[in-house]
């Protein structure tokens, strides 16, 4: 969320959703900011890339990978950022109460 506010331009909406997918669960984060250029979609996860510390998304991907979770950016430039986090089957659970 901090990256959206810091780099997304004029943002009025941030949302989270989830859905089951073959082999696991997909968590989706979206904002309605400026989006990420296609040429930067993988670069944003590289150590040192960006205008701040260059560690945020790099460390996010590294930490998630330890548990077999993946993250990728799938939004369209000019349409906002969209991050999909894939959690493999057996690595998440739902509460019996909701």
PDB file of N, CA and C in Angstrom:
ATOM      1  N   UNK A   1       0.829  -1.183   0.000  1.00  0.00           N
ATOM      2  CA  UNK A   1       0.000   0.000   0.000  1.00  0.00           C
ATOM      3  C   UNK A   1       0.876   1.251   0.000  1.00  0.00           C
ATOM      4  N   UNK A   2       1.980   1.204   0.724  1.00  0.00           N
ATOM      5  CA  UNK A   2       2.876   2.355   0.741  1.00  0.00           C
ATOM      6  C   UNK A   2       3.412   2.642  -0.658  1.00  0.00           C
ATOM      7  N   UNK A   3       3.756   1.582  -1.410  1.00  0.00           N
ATOM      8  CA  UNK A   3       4.244   1.791  -2.775  1.00  0.00           C
ATOM      9  C   UNK A   3       3.174   2.428  -3.648  1.00  0.00           C
ATOM     10  N   UNK A   4       1.928   2.035  -3.485  1.00  0.00           N
ATOM     11  CA  UNK A   4       0.844   2.639  -4.262  1.00  0.00           C
ATOM     12  C   UNK A   4       0.757   4.134  -3.986  1.00  0.00           C
ATOM     13  N   UNK A   5       0.768   4.492  -2.729  1.00  0.00           N
ATOM     14  CA  UNK A   5       0.674   5.898  -2.355  1.00  0.00           C
ATOM     15  C   UNK A   5       1.914   6.664  -2.818  1.00  0.00           C
ATOM     16  N   UNK A   6       3.072   6.071  -2.669  1.00  0.00           N
ATOM     17  CA  UNK A   6       4.332   6.735  -3.004  1.00  0.00           C
ATOM     18  C   UNK A   6       4.543   6.870  -4.510  1.00  0.00           C
ATOM     19  N   UNK A   7       4.188   5.852  -5.274  1.00  0.00           N
ATOM     20  CA  UNK A   7       4.545   5.821  -6.692  1.00  0.00           C
ATOM     21  C   UNK A   7       3.361   5.806  -7.656  1.00  0.00           C
ATOM     22  N   UNK A   8       2.151   5.621  -7.160  1.00  0.00           N
ATOM     23  CA  UNK A   8       1.000   5.404  -8.037  1.00  0.00           C
ATOM     24  C   UNK A   8       0.344   6.632  -8.608  1.00  0.00           C
ATOM     25  N   UNK A   9       0.768   7.819  -8.180  1.00  0.00           N
ATOM     26  CA  UNK A   9       0.120   9.022  -8.679  1.00  0.00           C
ATOM     27  C   UNK A   9      -1.175   9.274  -7.940  1.00  0.00           C
ATOM     28  N   UNK A  10      -2.189   9.616  -8.673  1.00  0.00           N
ATOM     29  CA  UNK A  10      -3.496   9.936  -8.091  1.00  0.00           C
ATOM     30  C   UNK A  10      -4.284   8.645  -7.865  1.00  0.00           C
ATOM     31  N   UNK A  11      -4.319   8.190  -6.628  1.00  0.00           N
ATOM     32  CA  UNK A  11      -4.998   6.940  -6.292  1.00  0.00           C
ATOM     33  C   UNK A  11      -6.228   7.244  -5.441  1.00  0.00           C
ATOM     34  N   UNK A  12      -7.344   6.638  -5.809  1.00  0.00           N
ATOM     35  CA  UNK A  12      -8.554   6.813  -5.009  1.00  0.00           C
ATOM     36  C   UNK A  12      -9.075   5.485  -4.474  1.00  0.00           C
ATOM     37  N   UNK A  13      -8.511   4.360  -4.972  1.00  0.00           N
ATOM     38  CA  UNK A  13      -9.011   3.054  -4.547  1.00  0.00           C
ATOM     39  C   UNK A  13      -7.891   2.023  -4.481  1.00  0.00           C
ATOM     40  N   UNK A  14      -7.882   1.270  -3.410  1.00  0.00           N
ATOM     41  CA  UNK A  14      -7.022   0.106  -3.238  1.00  0.00           C
ATOM     42  C   UNK A  14      -7.940  -1.031  -2.819  1.00  0.00           C
ATOM     43  N   UNK A  15      -7.759  -2.204  -3.418  1.00  0.00           N
ATOM     44  CA  UNK A  15      -8.634  -3.320  -3.053  1.00  0.00           C
ATOM     45  C   UNK A  15      -7.856  -4.628  -2.945  1.00  0.00           C
ATOM     46  N   UNK A  16      -8.424  -5.536  -2.193  1.00  0.00           N
ATOM     47  CA  UNK A  16      -7.884  -6.872  -2.004  1.00  0.00           C
ATOM     48  C   UNK A  16      -8.984  -7.873  -2.313  1.00  0.00           C
ATOM     49  N   UNK A  17      -8.625  -8.978  -2.936  1.00  0.00           N
ATOM     50  CA  UNK A  17      -9.578 -10.053  -3.166  1.00  0.00           C
ATOM     51  C   UNK A  17      -8.820 -11.375  -3.193  1.00  0.00           C
ATOM     52  N   UNK A  18      -9.569 -12.468  -3.188  1.00  0.00           N
ATOM     53  CA  UNK A  18      -8.950 -13.782  -3.284  1.00  0.00           C
ATOM     54  C   UNK A  18      -9.859 -14.700  -4.069  1.00  0.00           C
ATOM     55  N   UNK A  19      -9.261 -15.698  -4.683  1.00  0.00           N
ATOM     56  CA  UNK A  19     -10.049 -16.719  -5.382  1.00  0.00           C
ATOM     57  C   UNK A  19      -9.231 -18.003  -5.429  1.00  0.00           C
ATOM     58  N   UNK A  20      -9.939 -19.097  -5.445  1.00  0.00           N
ATOM     59  CA  UNK A  20      -9.267 -20.382  -5.578  1.00  0.00           C
ATOM     60  C   UNK A  20      -8.828 -20.550  -7.021  1.00  0.00           C
ATOM     61  N   UNK A  21      -7.687 -21.193  -7.187  1.00  0.00           N
ATOM     62  CA  UNK A  21      -7.127 -21.443  -8.516  1.00  0.00           C
ATOM     63  C   UNK A  21      -6.606 -22.873  -8.538  1.00  0.00           C
ATOM     64  N   UNK A  22      -6.387 -23.429  -9.720  1.00  0.00           N
ATOM     65  CA  UNK A  22      -5.810 -24.778  -9.767  1.00  0.00           C
ATOM     66  C   UNK A  22      -4.509 -24.840  -8.967  1.00  0.00           C
ATOM     67  N   UNK A  23      -4.477 -25.697  -7.974  1.00  0.00           N
ATOM     68  CA  UNK A  23      -3.278 -25.878  -7.163  1.00  0.00           C
ATOM     69  C   UNK A  23      -3.099 -24.918  -6.018  1.00  0.00           C
ATOM     70  N   UNK A  24      -4.072 -24.032  -5.780  1.00  0.00           N
ATOM     71  CA  UNK A  24      -3.893 -23.117  -4.669  1.00  0.00           C
ATOM     72  C   UNK A  24      -4.895 -21.985  -4.616  1.00  0.00           C
ATOM     73  N   UNK A  25      -4.426 -20.871  -4.106  1.00  0.00           N
ATOM     74  CA  UNK A  25      -5.241 -19.696  -3.861  1.00  0.00           C
ATOM     75  C   UNK A  25      -4.511 -18.485  -4.421  1.00  0.00           C
ATOM     76  N   UNK A  26      -5.249 -17.569  -5.040  1.00  0.00           N
ATOM     77  CA  UNK A  26      -4.651 -16.336  -5.554  1.00  0.00           C
ATOM     78  C   UNK A  26      -5.191 -15.164  -4.753  1.00  0.00           C
ATOM     79  N   UNK A  27      -4.287 -14.407  -4.147  1.00  0.00           N
ATOM     80  CA  UNK A  27      -4.620 -13.158  -3.478  1.00  0.00           C
ATOM     81  C   UNK A  27      -4.301 -12.037  -4.464  1.00  0.00           C
ATOM     82  N   UNK A  28      -5.220 -11.094  -4.626  1.00  0.00           N
ATOM     83  CA  UNK A  28      -5.025 -10.021  -5.600  1.00  0.00           C
ATOM     84  C   UNK A  28      -5.098  -8.673  -4.897  1.00  0.00           C
ATOM     85  N   UNK A  29      -4.105  -7.839  -5.179  1.00  0.00           N
ATOM     86  CA  UNK A  29      -4.033  -6.461  -4.683  1.00  0.00           C
ATOM     87  C   UNK A  29      -4.101  -5.548  -5.894  1.00  0.00           C
ATOM     88  N   UNK A  30      -5.009  -4.582  -5.887  1.00  0.00           N
ATOM     89  CA  UNK A  30      -5.085  -3.639  -6.996  1.00  0.00           C
ATOM     90  C   UNK A  30      -5.200  -2.211  -6.478  1.00  0.00           C
ATOM     91  N   UNK A  31      -4.731  -1.282  -7.307  1.00  0.00           N
ATOM     92  CA  UNK A  31      -4.987   0.128  -7.069  1.00  0.00           C
ATOM     93  C   UNK A  31      -5.382   0.755  -8.400  1.00  0.00           C
ATOM     94  N   UNK A  32      -5.885   1.965  -8.352  1.00  0.00           N
ATOM     95  CA  UNK A  32      -6.307   2.638  -9.580  1.00  0.00           C
ATOM     96  C   UNK A  32      -5.369   3.784  -9.954  1.00  0.00           C
ATOM     97  N   UNK A  33      -4.093   3.609  -9.632  1.00  0.00           N
ATOM     98  CA  UNK A  33      -3.088   4.609  -9.960  1.00  0.00           C
ATOM     99  C   UNK A  33      -2.609   4.490 -11.401  1.00  0.00           C
ATOM    100  N   UNK A  34      -1.394   4.950 -11.633  1.00  0.00           N
ATOM    101  CA  UNK A  34      -0.848   5.002 -12.979  1.00  0.00           C
ATOM    102  C   UNK A  34      -0.393   3.674 -13.547  1.00  0.00           C
ATOM    103  N   UNK A  35      -0.250   2.674 -12.712  1.00  0.00           N
ATOM    104  CA  UNK A  35       0.199   1.371 -13.192  1.00  0.00           C
ATOM    105  C   UNK A  35       1.700   1.300 -13.374  1.00  0.00           C
ATOM    106  N   UNK A  36       2.165   0.159 -13.807  1.00  0.00           N
ATOM    107  CA  UNK A  36       3.595  -0.104 -13.964  1.00  0.00           C
ATOM    108  C   UNK A  36       3.869  -0.414 -15.428  1.00  0.00           C
ATOM    109  N   UNK A  37       4.827   0.285 -16.041  1.00  0.00           N
ATOM    110  CA  UNK A  37       5.152   0.013 -17.446  1.00  0.00           C
ATOM    111  C   UNK A  37       5.557  -1.443 -17.651  1.00  0.00           C
ATOM    112  N   UNK A  38       5.187  -2.001 -18.789  1.00  0.00           N
ATOM    113  CA  UNK A  38       5.478  -3.407 -19.095  1.00  0.00           C
ATOM    114  C   UNK A  38       6.960  -3.730 -18.947  1.00  0.00           C
ATOM    115  N   UNK A  39       7.813  -2.819 -19.326  1.00  0.00           N
ATOM    116  CA  UNK A  39       9.257  -3.056 -19.264  1.00  0.00           C
ATOM    117  C   UNK A  39       9.782  -3.128 -17.836  1.00  0.00           C
ATOM    118  N   UNK A  40       8.989  -2.693 -16.872  1.00  0.00           N
ATOM    119  CA  UNK A  40       9.440  -2.675 -15.477  1.00  0.00           C
ATOM    120  C   UNK A  40       8.791  -3.749 -14.616  1.00  0.00           C
ATOM    121  N   UNK A  41       7.891  -4.541 -15.156  1.00  0.00           N
ATOM    122  CA  UNK A  41       7.137  -5.512 -14.352  1.00  0.00           C
ATOM    123  C   UNK A  41       8.015  -6.503 -13.600  1.00  0.00           C
ATOM    124  N   UNK A  42       9.116  -6.931 -14.164  1.00  0.00           N
ATOM    125  CA  UNK A  42      10.050  -7.814 -13.448  1.00  0.00           C
ATOM    126  C   UNK A  42      11.122  -7.009 -12.733  1.00  0.00           C
ATOM    127  N   UNK A  43      11.494  -5.872 -13.276  1.00  0.00           N
ATOM    128  CA  UNK A  43      12.540  -5.041 -12.669  1.00  0.00           C
ATOM    129  C   UNK A  43      12.159  -4.568 -11.277  1.00  0.00           C
ATOM    130  N   UNK A  44      10.853  -4.345 -11.022  1.00  0.00           N
ATOM    131  CA  UNK A  44      10.443  -3.830  -9.713  1.00  0.00           C
ATOM    132  C   UNK A  44      10.772  -4.799  -8.585  1.00  0.00           C
ATOM    133  N   UNK A  45      11.033  -6.057  -8.923  1.00  0.00           N
ATOM    134  CA  UNK A  45      11.384  -7.062  -7.912  1.00  0.00           C
ATOM    135  C   UNK A  45      12.891  -7.234  -7.758  1.00  0.00           C
ATOM    136  N   UNK A  46      13.679  -6.466  -8.503  1.00  0.00           N
ATOM    137  CA  UNK A  46      15.139  -6.568  -8.415  1.00  0.00           C
ATOM    138  C   UNK A  46      15.671  -5.693  -7.287  1.00  0.00           C
ATOM    139  N   UNK A  47      16.666  -6.195  -6.607  1.00  0.00           N
ATOM    140  CA  UNK A  47      17.297  -5.448  -5.517  1.00  0.00           C
ATOM    141  C   UNK A  47      17.885  -4.153  -6.065  1.00  0.00           C
ATOM    142  N   UNK A  48      17.533  -3.050  -5.427  1.00  0.00           N
ATOM    143  CA  UNK A  48      18.068  -1.752  -5.808  1.00  0.00           C
ATOM    144  C   UNK A  48      17.260  -0.999  -6.846  1.00  0.00           C
ATOM    145  N   UNK A  49      16.253  -1.626  -7.434  1.00  0.00           N
ATOM    146  CA  UNK A  49      15.457  -0.943  -8.453  1.00  0.00           C
ATOM    147  C   UNK A  49      14.414  -0.058  -7.787  1.00  0.00           C
ATOM    148  N   UNK A  50      14.211   1.115  -8.317  1.00  0.00           N
ATOM    149  CA  UNK A  50      13.167   1.997  -7.809  1.00  0.00           C
ATOM    150  C   UNK A  50      13.710   3.318  -7.339  1.00  0.00           C
ATOM    151  N   UNK A  51      12.820   4.123  -6.798  1.00  0.00           N
ATOM    152  CA  UNK A  51      13.175   5.480  -6.389  1.00  0.00           C
ATOM    153  C   UNK A  51      13.332   5.639  -4.883  1.00  0.00           C
ATOM    154  N   UNK A  52      13.108   4.583  -4.118  1.00  0.00           N
ATOM    155  CA  UNK A  52      13.264   4.686  -2.671  1.00  0.00           C
ATOM    156  C   UNK A  52      14.443   3.797  -2.266  1.00  0.00           C
ATOM    157  N   UNK A  53      14.256   2.813  -1.443  1.00  0.00           N
ATOM    158  CA  UNK A  53      15.382   1.965  -1.025  1.00  0.00           C
ATOM    159  C   UNK A  53      15.694   0.871  -2.038  1.00  0.00           C
ATOM    160  N   UNK A  54      14.717   0.502  -2.859  1.00  0.00           N
ATOM    161  CA  UNK A  54      14.932  -0.583  -3.812  1.00  0.00           C
ATOM    162  C   UNK A  54      14.927  -1.949  -3.145  1.00  0.00           C
ATOM    163  N   UNK A  55      14.380  -2.027  -1.945  1.00  0.00           N
ATOM    164  CA  UNK A  55      14.368  -3.296  -1.216  1.00  0.00           C
ATOM    165  C   UNK A  55      12.966  -3.866  -1.005  1.00  0.00           C
ATOM    166  N   UNK A  56      11.946  -3.038  -0.987  1.00  0.00           N
ATOM    167  CA  UNK A  56      10.607  -3.466  -0.609  1.00  0.00           C
ATOM    168  C   UNK A  56      10.077  -4.667  -1.374  1.00  0.00           C
ATOM    169  N   UNK A  57       9.909  -4.543  -2.678  1.00  0.00           N
ATOM    170  CA  UNK A  57       9.369  -5.653  -3.454  1.00  0.00           C
ATOM    171  C   UNK A  57      10.388  -6.769  -3.642  1.00  0.00           C
ATOM    172  N   UNK A  58      11.664  -6.420  -3.644  1.00  0.00           N
ATOM    173  CA  UNK A  58      12.711  -7.457  -3.698  1.00  0.00           C
ATOM    174  C   UNK A  58      12.585  -8.369  -2.479  1.00  0.00           C
ATOM    175  N   UNK A  59      12.545  -7.785  -1.287  1.00  0.00           N
ATOM    176  CA  UNK A  59      12.441  -8.584  -0.064  1.00  0.00           C
ATOM    177  C   UNK A  59      11.111  -9.313   0.025  1.00  0.00           C
ATOM    178  N   UNK A  60      10.053  -8.674  -0.442  1.00  0.00           N
ATOM    179  CA  UNK A  60       8.742  -9.328  -0.451  1.00  0.00           C
ATOM    180  C   UNK A  60       8.801 -10.621  -1.241  1.00  0.00           C
ATOM    181  N   UNK A  61       9.331 -10.548  -2.463  1.00  0.00           N
ATOM    182  CA  UNK A  61       9.403 -11.747  -3.311  1.00  0.00           C
ATOM    183  C   UNK A  61      10.312 -12.804  -2.687  1.00  0.00           C
ATOM    184  N   UNK A  62      11.439 -12.399  -2.137  1.00  0.00           N
ATOM    185  CA  UNK A  62      12.382 -13.347  -1.528  1.00  0.00           C
ATOM    186  C   UNK A  62      11.770 -14.064  -0.331  1.00  0.00           C
ATOM    187  N   UNK A  63      11.109 -13.332   0.522  1.00  0.00           N
ATOM    188  CA  UNK A  63      10.508 -13.931   1.723  1.00  0.00           C
ATOM    189  C   UNK A  63       9.370 -14.868   1.339  1.00  0.00           C
ATOM    190  N   UNK A  64       8.518 -14.446   0.407  1.00  0.00           N
ATOM    191  CA  UNK A  64       7.427 -15.319  -0.029  1.00  0.00           C
ATOM    192  C   UNK A  64       7.959 -16.596  -0.670  1.00  0.00           C
ATOM    193  N   UNK A  65       9.028 -16.480  -1.441  1.00  0.00           N
ATOM    194  CA  UNK A  65       9.590 -17.644  -2.136  1.00  0.00           C
ATOM    195  C   UNK A  65      10.062 -18.722  -1.168  1.00  0.00           C
ATOM    196  N   UNK A  66      10.495 -18.342   0.011  1.00  0.00           N
ATOM    197  CA  UNK A  66      10.941 -19.310   1.012  1.00  0.00           C
ATOM    198  C   UNK A  66       9.834 -20.313   1.327  1.00  0.00           C
ATOM    199  N   UNK A  67       8.594 -19.865   1.271  1.00  0.00           N
ATOM    200  CA  UNK A  67       7.455 -20.733   1.588  1.00  0.00           C
ATOM    201  C   UNK A  67       6.738 -21.244   0.340  1.00  0.00           C
ATOM    202  N   UNK A  68       7.310 -21.011  -0.831  1.00  0.00           N
ATOM    203  CA  UNK A  68       6.713 -21.493  -2.069  1.00  0.00           C
ATOM    204  C   UNK A  68       5.630 -20.588  -2.635  1.00  0.00           C
ATOM    205  N   UNK A  69       5.479 -19.408  -2.066  1.00  0.00           N
ATOM    206  CA  UNK A  69       4.491 -18.440  -2.535  1.00  0.00           C
ATOM    207  C   UNK A  69       5.153 -17.563  -3.598  1.00  0.00           C
ATOM    208  N   UNK A  70       4.392 -17.228  -4.653  1.00  0.00           N
ATOM    209  CA  UNK A  70       4.936 -16.372  -5.708  1.00  0.00           C
ATOM    210  C   UNK A  70       4.141 -15.069  -5.784  1.00  0.00           C
ATOM    211  N   UNK A  71       4.791 -14.039  -6.323  1.00  0.00           N
ATOM    212  CA  UNK A  71       4.137 -12.751  -6.541  1.00  0.00           C
ATOM    213  C   UNK A  71       4.536 -12.239  -7.908  1.00  0.00           C
ATOM    214  N   UNK A  72       3.561 -11.654  -8.605  1.00  0.00           N
ATOM    215  CA  UNK A  72       3.848 -11.043  -9.900  1.00  0.00           C
ATOM    216  C   UNK A  72       2.932  -9.848 -10.090  1.00  0.00           C
ATOM    217  N   UNK A  73       3.354  -8.941 -10.958  1.00  0.00           N
ATOM    218  CA  UNK A  73       2.570  -7.756 -11.249  1.00  0.00           C
ATOM    219  C   UNK A  73       1.886  -7.976 -12.586  1.00  0.00           C
ATOM    220  N   UNK A  74       0.554  -7.817 -12.623  1.00  0.00           N
ATOM    221  CA  UNK A  74      -0.200  -8.129 -13.835  1.00  0.00           C
ATOM    222  C   UNK A  74      -1.103  -6.984 -14.295  1.00  0.00           C
ATOM    223  N   UNK A  75      -0.924  -5.799 -13.734  1.00  0.00           N
ATOM    224  CA  UNK A  75      -1.767  -4.663 -14.111  1.00  0.00           C
ATOM    225  C   UNK A  75      -1.354  -4.080 -15.451  1.00  0.00           C
ATOM    226  N   UNK A  76      -2.152  -3.145 -15.914  1.00  0.00           N
ATOM    227  CA  UNK A  76      -1.864  -2.459 -17.167  1.00  0.00           C
ATOM    228  C   UNK A  76      -1.417  -1.035 -16.910  1.00  0.00           C
ATOM    229  N   UNK A  77      -0.404  -0.597 -17.655  1.00  0.00           N
ATOM    230  CA  UNK A  77       0.060   0.776 -17.501  1.00  0.00           C
ATOM    231  C   UNK A  77      -1.105   1.720 -17.787  1.00  0.00           C
ATOM    232  N   UNK A  78      -1.301   2.677 -16.920  1.00  0.00           N
ATOM    233  CA  UNK A  78      -2.415   3.601 -17.046  1.00  0.00           C
ATOM    234  C   UNK A  78      -3.707   3.081 -16.447  1.00  0.00           C
ATOM    235  N   UNK A  79      -3.716   1.831 -16.012  1.00  0.00           N
ATOM    236  CA  UNK A  79      -4.919   1.216 -15.442  1.00  0.00           C
ATOM    237  C   UNK A  79      -4.754   0.865 -13.973  1.00  0.00           C
ATOM    238  N   UNK A  80      -3.577   1.061 -13.427  1.00  0.00           N
ATOM    239  CA  UNK A  80      -3.329   0.750 -12.031  1.00  0.00           C
ATOM    240  C   UNK A  80      -2.456  -0.475 -11.856  1.00  0.00           C
ATOM    241  N   UNK A  81      -1.918  -0.610 -10.663  1.00  0.00           N
ATOM    242  CA  UNK A  81      -1.090  -1.776 -10.335  1.00  0.00           C
ATOM    243  C   UNK A  81      -1.997  -2.937  -9.943  1.00  0.00           C
ATOM    244  N   UNK A  82      -1.538  -4.152 -10.239  1.00  0.00           N
ATOM    245  CA  UNK A  82      -2.278  -5.366  -9.860  1.00  0.00           C
ATOM    246  C   UNK A  82      -1.251  -6.434  -9.534  1.00  0.00           C
ATOM    247  N   UNK A  83      -1.213  -6.841  -8.281  1.00  0.00           N
ATOM    248  CA  UNK A  83      -0.292  -7.879  -7.844  1.00  0.00           C
ATOM    249  C   UNK A  83      -1.064  -9.143  -7.543  1.00  0.00           C
ATOM    250  N   UNK A  84      -0.608 -10.257  -8.088  1.00  0.00           N
ATOM    251  CA  UNK A  84      -1.196 -11.558  -7.819  1.00  0.00           C
ATOM    252  C   UNK A  84      -0.211 -12.367  -6.984  1.00  0.00           C
ATOM    253  N   UNK A  85      -0.672 -12.835  -5.849  1.00  0.00           N
ATOM    254  CA  UNK A  85       0.131 -13.662  -4.950  1.00  0.00           C
ATOM    255  C   UNK A  85      -0.483 -15.055  -4.975  1.00  0.00           C
ATOM    256  N   UNK A  86       0.292 -16.030  -5.429  1.00  0.00           N
ATOM    257  CA  UNK A  86      -0.191 -17.400  -5.521  1.00  0.00           C
ATOM    258  C   UNK A  86       0.306 -18.188  -4.320  1.00  0.00           C
ATOM    259  N   UNK A  87      -0.643 -18.742  -3.561  1.00  0.00           N
ATOM    260  CA  UNK A  87      -0.334 -19.540  -2.380  1.00  0.00           C
ATOM    261  C   UNK A  87      -0.679 -20.995  -2.706  1.00  0.00           C
ATOM    262  N   UNK A  88       0.314 -21.895  -2.680  1.00  0.00           N
ATOM    263  CA  UNK A  88       0.053 -23.295  -3.042  1.00  0.00           C
ATOM    264  C   UNK A  88      -0.924 -23.977  -2.082  1.00  0.00           C
ATOM    265  N   UNK A  89      -1.632 -24.954  -2.623  1.00  0.00           N
ATOM    266  CA  UNK A  89      -2.541 -25.788  -1.830  1.00  0.00           C
ATOM    267  C   UNK A  89      -1.797 -26.305  -0.598  1.00  0.00           C
ATOM    268  N   UNK A  90      -2.463 -26.289   0.539  1.00  0.00           N
ATOM    269  CA  UNK A  90      -1.871 -26.778   1.776  1.00  0.00           C
ATOM    270  C   UNK A  90      -1.085 -25.726   2.549  1.00  0.00           C
ATOM    271  N   UNK A  91      -0.899 -24.547   1.958  1.00  0.00           N
ATOM    272  CA  UNK A  91      -0.148 -23.476   2.622  1.00  0.00           C
ATOM    273  C   UNK A  91      -1.068 -22.363   3.122  1.00  0.00           C
ATOM    274  N   UNK A  92      -2.351 -22.578   3.060  1.00  0.00           N
ATOM    275  CA  UNK A  92      -3.326 -21.609   3.586  1.00  0.00           C
ATOM    276  C   UNK A  92      -4.461 -22.386   4.226  1.00  0.00           C
ATOM    277  N   UNK A  93      -5.252 -21.691   5.009  1.00  0.00           N
ATOM    278  CA  UNK A  93      -6.424 -22.319   5.610  1.00  0.00           C
ATOM    279  C   UNK A  93      -7.500 -21.257   5.801  1.00  0.00           C
ATOM    280  N   UNK A  94      -8.725 -21.727   5.866  1.00  0.00           N
ATOM    281  CA  UNK A  94      -9.862 -20.847   6.095  1.00  0.00           C
ATOM    282  C   UNK A  94     -10.419 -21.129   7.484  1.00  0.00           C
ATOM    283  N   UNK A  95     -10.850 -20.097   8.150  1.00  0.00           N
ATOM    284  CA  UNK A  95     -11.449 -20.239   9.462  1.00  0.00           C
ATOM    285  C   UNK A  95     -12.818 -20.900   9.339  1.00  0.00           C
ATOM    286  N   UNK A  96     -13.156 -21.747  10.292  1.00  0.00           N
ATOM    287  CA  UNK A  96     -14.470 -22.387  10.320  1.00  0.00           C
ATOM    288  C   UNK A  96     -15.568 -21.365  10.580  1.00  0.00           C
ATOM    289  N   UNK A  97     -15.190 -20.202  11.122  1.00  0.00           N
ATOM    290  CA  UNK A  97     -16.163 -19.167  11.474  1.00  0.00           C
ATOM    291  C   UNK A  97     -16.284 -18.075  10.413  1.00  0.00           C
ATOM    292  N   UNK A  98     -15.712 -18.288   9.256  1.00  0.00           N
ATOM    293  CA  UNK A  98     -15.934 -17.294   8.240  1.00  0.00           C
ATOM    294  C   UNK A  98     -14.760 -16.910   7.491  1.00  0.00           C
TER     295      UNK A  98
END
